[in-house]
Amino acid sequence: MKKQTLDILHRYRKHLLEREQVSIVERLAEENAQKVRLLQLQQRVAETHQAKLRASSSADLTALDAAASYLHGRVTMAQRALVLARRAREEAVASALQLKKERDQVGVMLENDRRQFQHAQDDAERMELNDMASARHAMAAGRL
């Protein structure tokens, strides 16, 4: 591949990696929001159970029992949402790692190209210096 094409590909993959890193941050924020939601629901369930212990009538106990049952269902849904958010974050991290590998592969190709160019330049310079030294030596030998 041409160097210019590799440079463009490297910049594009770097851009994709940056976008994926932003996505990871968003997924992490979503996961943390789901954790907070789950903890709040668990707290509400605990408060409802505490209120059931202090209930004075069967109507209060029935109402609190129904509320606790409803909250348990919401906790189950929040746990599922947390699992999905965690899975989305893990997938985003895996995708970012794959993009990083791809970007690094192009980077290695660019680095190898740069090394080959530098090596060729060093060889040309060495040959030129050898030619100059040989010419000086020939000139010095001719003068003696």
C-alpha atoms as a PDB file:
ATOM      1  CA  MET A   1       0.000   0.000   0.000  1.00  0.00           C
ATOM      2  CA  LYS A   2       1.073   3.535  -0.560  1.00  0.00           C
ATOM      3  CA  LYS A   3       2.199   5.586   2.413  1.00  0.00           C
ATOM      4  CA  GLN A   4      -0.533   8.163   1.863  1.00  0.00           C
ATOM      5  CA  THR A   5      -3.197   5.451   1.828  1.00  0.00           C
ATOM      6  CA  LEU A   6      -1.786   3.948   5.014  1.00  0.00           C
ATOM      7  CA  ASP A   7      -1.751   7.372   6.669  1.00  0.00           C
ATOM      8  CA  ILE A   8      -5.400   7.915   5.765  1.00  0.00           C
ATOM      9  CA  LEU A   9      -6.328   4.427   6.964  1.00  0.00           C
ATOM     10  CA  HIS A  10      -4.430   4.977  10.220  1.00  0.00           C
ATOM     11  CA  ARG A  11      -6.180   8.305  10.874  1.00  0.00           C
ATOM     12  CA  TYR A  12      -9.564   6.737  10.087  1.00  0.00           C
ATOM     13  CA  ARG A  13      -8.981   3.837  12.445  1.00  0.00           C
ATOM     14  CA  LYS A  14      -7.761   6.253  15.107  1.00  0.00           C
ATOM     15  CA  HIS A  15     -11.014   8.198  14.657  1.00  0.00           C
ATOM     16  CA  LEU A  16     -13.065   4.995  14.970  1.00  0.00           C
ATOM     17  CA  LEU A  17     -11.165   4.067  18.115  1.00  0.00           C
ATOM     18  CA  GLU A  18     -11.859   7.479  19.648  1.00  0.00           C
ATOM     19  CA  ARG A  19     -15.556   7.108  18.842  1.00  0.00           C
ATOM     20  CA  GLU A  20     -15.568   3.664  20.427  1.00  0.00           C
ATOM     21  CA  GLN A  21     -13.874   5.029  23.538  1.00  0.00           C
ATOM     22  CA  VAL A  22     -16.649   7.620  23.818  1.00  0.00           C
ATOM     23  CA  SER A  23     -19.124   4.778  23.436  1.00  0.00           C
ATOM     24  CA  ILE A  24     -17.418   2.910  26.290  1.00  0.00           C
ATOM     25  CA  VAL A  25     -17.790   5.952  28.525  1.00  0.00           C
ATOM     26  CA  GLU A  26     -21.474   6.193  27.624  1.00  0.00           C
ATOM     27  CA  ARG A  27     -22.015   2.485  28.269  1.00  0.00           C
ATOM     28  CA  LEU A  28     -20.203   2.762  31.602  1.00  0.00           C
ATOM     29  CA  ALA A  29     -22.397   5.718  32.584  1.00  0.00           C
ATOM     30  CA  GLU A  30     -25.494   3.717  31.633  1.00  0.00           C
ATOM     31  CA  GLU A  31     -24.283   0.748  33.673  1.00  0.00           C
ATOM     32  CA  ASN A  32     -23.645   2.995  36.681  1.00  0.00           C
ATOM     33  CA  ALA A  33     -27.112   4.534  36.311  1.00  0.00           C
ATOM     34  CA  GLN A  34     -28.617   1.034  36.287  1.00  0.00           C
ATOM     35  CA  LYS A  35     -26.649   0.152  39.429  1.00  0.00           C
ATOM     36  CA  VAL A  36     -27.941   3.262  41.183  1.00  0.00           C
ATOM     37  CA  ARG A  37     -31.488   2.463  40.084  1.00  0.00           C
ATOM     38  CA  LEU A  38     -31.180  -1.102  41.365  1.00  0.00           C
ATOM     39  CA  LEU A  39     -29.807   0.057  44.712  1.00  0.00           C
ATOM     40  CA  GLN A  40     -32.640   2.575  45.088  1.00  0.00           C
ATOM     41  CA  LEU A  41     -35.220  -0.103  44.362  1.00  0.00           C
ATOM     42  CA  GLN A  42     -33.601  -2.487  46.836  1.00  0.00           C
ATOM     43  CA  GLN A  43     -33.670   0.289  49.424  1.00  0.00           C
ATOM     44  CA  ARG A  44     -37.370   0.877  48.738  1.00  0.00           C
ATOM     45  CA  VAL A  45     -38.052  -2.876  49.110  1.00  0.00           C
ATOM     46  CA  ALA A  46     -36.239  -2.888  52.458  1.00  0.00           C
ATOM     47  CA  GLU A  47     -38.236   0.179  53.599  1.00  0.00           C
ATOM     48  CA  THR A  48     -41.467  -1.529  52.545  1.00  0.00           C
ATOM     49  CA  HIS A  49     -40.570  -4.647  54.519  1.00  0.00           C
ATOM     50  CA  GLN A  50     -39.745  -2.499  57.541  1.00  0.00           C
ATOM     51  CA  ALA A  51     -43.106  -0.776  57.177  1.00  0.00           C
ATOM     52  CA  LYS A  52     -44.818  -4.186  57.024  1.00  0.00           C
ATOM     53  CA  LEU A  53     -43.318  -5.004  60.417  1.00  0.00           C
ATOM     54  CA  ARG A  54     -44.842  -1.809  61.842  1.00  0.00           C
ATOM     55  CA  ALA A  55     -48.233  -2.253  60.133  1.00  0.00           C
ATOM     56  CA  SER A  56     -51.156  -2.033  62.550  1.00  0.00           C
ATOM     57  CA  SER A  57     -54.003  -3.340  60.410  1.00  0.00           C
ATOM     58  CA  SER A  58     -54.491  -6.083  57.860  1.00  0.00           C
ATOM     59  CA  ALA A  59     -55.415  -3.530  55.180  1.00  0.00           C
ATOM     60  CA  ASP A  60     -52.067  -1.770  55.699  1.00  0.00           C
ATOM     61  CA  LEU A  61     -50.284  -5.120  55.644  1.00  0.00           C
ATOM     62  CA  THR A  62     -52.035  -6.146  52.415  1.00  0.00           C
ATOM     63  CA  ALA A  63     -51.239  -2.815  50.748  1.00  0.00           C
ATOM     64  CA  LEU A  64     -47.609  -2.987  51.833  1.00  0.00           C
ATOM     65  CA  ASP A  65     -47.384  -6.601  50.699  1.00  0.00           C
ATOM     66  CA  ALA A  66     -48.698  -5.632  47.254  1.00  0.00           C
ATOM     67  CA  ALA A  67     -46.219  -2.724  47.133  1.00  0.00           C
ATOM     68  CA  ALA A  68     -43.356  -5.042  48.086  1.00  0.00           C
ATOM     69  CA  SER A  69     -44.419  -7.534  45.427  1.00  0.00           C
ATOM     70  CA  TYR A  70     -44.517  -4.760  42.821  1.00  0.00           C
ATOM     71  CA  LEU A  71     -41.096  -3.507  43.915  1.00  0.00           C
ATOM     72  CA  HIS A  72     -39.645  -7.031  43.718  1.00  0.00           C
ATOM     73  CA  GLY A  73     -40.812  -7.189  40.099  1.00  0.00           C
ATOM     74  CA  ARG A  74     -39.165  -3.837  39.434  1.00  0.00           C
ATOM     75  CA  VAL A  75     -35.957  -5.082  41.094  1.00  0.00           C
ATOM     76  CA  THR A  76     -35.967  -8.090  38.785  1.00  0.00           C
ATOM     77  CA  MET A  77     -36.392  -5.808  35.764  1.00  0.00           C
ATOM     78  CA  ALA A  78     -33.619  -3.510  37.044  1.00  0.00           C
ATOM     79  CA  GLN A  79     -31.300  -6.497  37.464  1.00  0.00           C
ATOM     80  CA  ARG A  80     -31.977  -7.543  33.877  1.00  0.00           C
ATOM     81  CA  ALA A  81     -31.353  -3.996  32.675  1.00  0.00           C
ATOM     82  CA  LEU A  82     -28.071  -3.975  34.612  1.00  0.00           C
ATOM     83  CA  VAL A  83     -27.014  -7.245  33.002  1.00  0.00           C
ATOM     84  CA  LEU A  84     -27.832  -5.840  29.561  1.00  0.00           C
ATOM     85  CA  ALA A  85     -25.944  -2.619  30.298  1.00  0.00           C
ATOM     86  CA  ARG A  86     -22.946  -4.608  31.525  1.00  0.00           C
ATOM     87  CA  ARG A  87     -23.031  -6.778  28.400  1.00  0.00           C
ATOM     88  CA  ALA A  88     -23.233  -3.678  26.165  1.00  0.00           C
ATOM     89  CA  ARG A  89     -20.216  -2.195  27.943  1.00  0.00           C
ATOM     90  CA  GLU A  90     -18.247  -5.419  27.584  1.00  0.00           C
ATOM     91  CA  GLU A  91     -19.090  -5.560  23.879  1.00  0.00           C
ATOM     92  CA  ALA A  92     -17.990  -1.942  23.460  1.00  0.00           C
ATOM     93  CA  VAL A  93     -14.690  -2.731  25.191  1.00  0.00           C
ATOM     94  CA  ALA A  94     -14.167  -5.782  22.974  1.00  0.00           C
ATOM     95  CA  SER A  95     -14.915  -3.700  19.900  1.00  0.00           C
ATOM     96  CA  ALA A  96     -12.492  -1.001  21.050  1.00  0.00           C
ATOM     97  CA  LEU A  97      -9.780  -3.607  21.571  1.00  0.00           C
ATOM     98  CA  GLN A  98     -10.347  -4.955  18.070  1.00  0.00           C
ATOM     99  CA  LEU A  99     -10.203  -1.443  16.602  1.00  0.00           C
ATOM    100  CA  LYS A 100      -7.016  -0.790  18.562  1.00  0.00           C
ATOM    101  CA  LYS A 101      -5.450  -3.942  17.115  1.00  0.00           C
ATOM    102  CA  GLU A 102      -6.410  -2.880  13.606  1.00  0.00           C
ATOM    103  CA  ARG A 103      -5.061   0.632  14.138  1.00  0.00           C
ATOM    104  CA  ASP A 104      -1.847  -0.763  15.603  1.00  0.00           C
ATOM    105  CA  GLN A 105      -1.415  -3.080  12.599  1.00  0.00           C
ATOM    106  CA  VAL A 106      -1.557  -0.101  10.258  1.00  0.00           C
ATOM    107  CA  GLY A 107       0.802   1.756  12.600  1.00  0.00           C
ATOM    108  CA  VAL A 108       3.285  -1.108  12.391  1.00  0.00           C
ATOM    109  CA  MET A 109       3.073  -1.025   8.599  1.00  0.00           C
ATOM    110  CA  LEU A 110       3.735   2.725   8.631  1.00  0.00           C
ATOM    111  CA  GLU A 111       6.643   2.260  11.028  1.00  0.00           C
ATOM    112  CA  ASN A 112       8.135  -0.487   8.844  1.00  0.00           C
ATOM    113  CA  ASP A 113       7.797   1.766   5.797  1.00  0.00           C
ATOM    114  CA  ARG A 114       9.514   4.580   7.692  1.00  0.00           C
ATOM    115  CA  ARG A 115      12.329   2.251   8.776  1.00  0.00           C
ATOM    116  CA  GLN A 116      12.834   0.984   5.219  1.00  0.00           C
ATOM    117  CA  PHE A 117      12.989   4.541   3.918  1.00  0.00           C
ATOM    118  CA  GLN A 118      15.465   5.512   6.655  1.00  0.00           C
ATOM    119  CA  HIS A 119      17.548   2.403   5.952  1.00  0.00           C
ATOM    120  CA  ALA A 120      17.630   3.182   2.219  1.00  0.00           C
ATOM    121  CA  GLN A 121      18.588   6.776   2.993  1.00  0.00           C
ATOM    122  CA  ASP A 122      21.376   5.611   5.338  1.00  0.00           C
ATOM    123  CA  ASP A 123      22.683   3.202   2.684  1.00  0.00           C
ATOM    124  CA  ALA A 124      22.711   5.943   0.048  1.00  0.00           C
ATOM    125  CA  GLU A 125      24.522   8.287   2.428  1.00  0.00           C
ATOM    126  CA  ARG A 126      27.050   5.600   3.322  1.00  0.00           C
ATOM    127  CA  MET A 127      27.724   4.898  -0.368  1.00  0.00           C
ATOM    128  CA  GLU A 128      28.166   8.604  -1.054  1.00  0.00           C
ATOM    129  CA  LEU A 129      30.625   8.924   1.844  1.00  0.00           C
ATOM    130  CA  ASN A 130      32.517   5.854   0.619  1.00  0.00           C
ATOM    131  CA  ASP A 131      32.713   7.334  -2.869  1.00  0.00           C
ATOM    132  CA  MET A 132      33.958  10.626  -1.460  1.00  0.00           C
ATOM    133  CA  ALA A 133      36.562   8.863   0.685  1.00  0.00           C
ATOM    134  CA  SER A 134      37.680   6.774  -2.266  1.00  0.00           C
ATOM    135  CA  ALA A 135      37.976   9.903  -4.418  1.00  0.00           C
ATOM    136  CA  ARG A 136      40.034  11.676  -1.733  1.00  0.00           C
ATOM    137  CA  HIS A 137      42.262   8.683  -1.351  1.00  0.00           C
ATOM    138  CA  ALA A 138      42.753   8.465  -5.112  1.00  0.00           C
ATOM    139  CA  MET A 139      43.503  12.157  -5.297  1.00  0.00           C
ATOM    140  CA  ALA A 140      45.964  11.915  -2.417  1.00  0.00           C
ATOM    141  CA  ALA A 141      47.672   8.905  -3.977  1.00  0.00           C
ATOM    142  CA  GLY A 142      47.960  10.717  -7.310  1.00  0.00           C
ATOM    143  CA  ARG A 143      49.700  13.719  -5.716  1.00  0.00           C
ATOM    144  CA  LEU A 144      52.458  11.742  -4.010  1.00  0.00           C
END
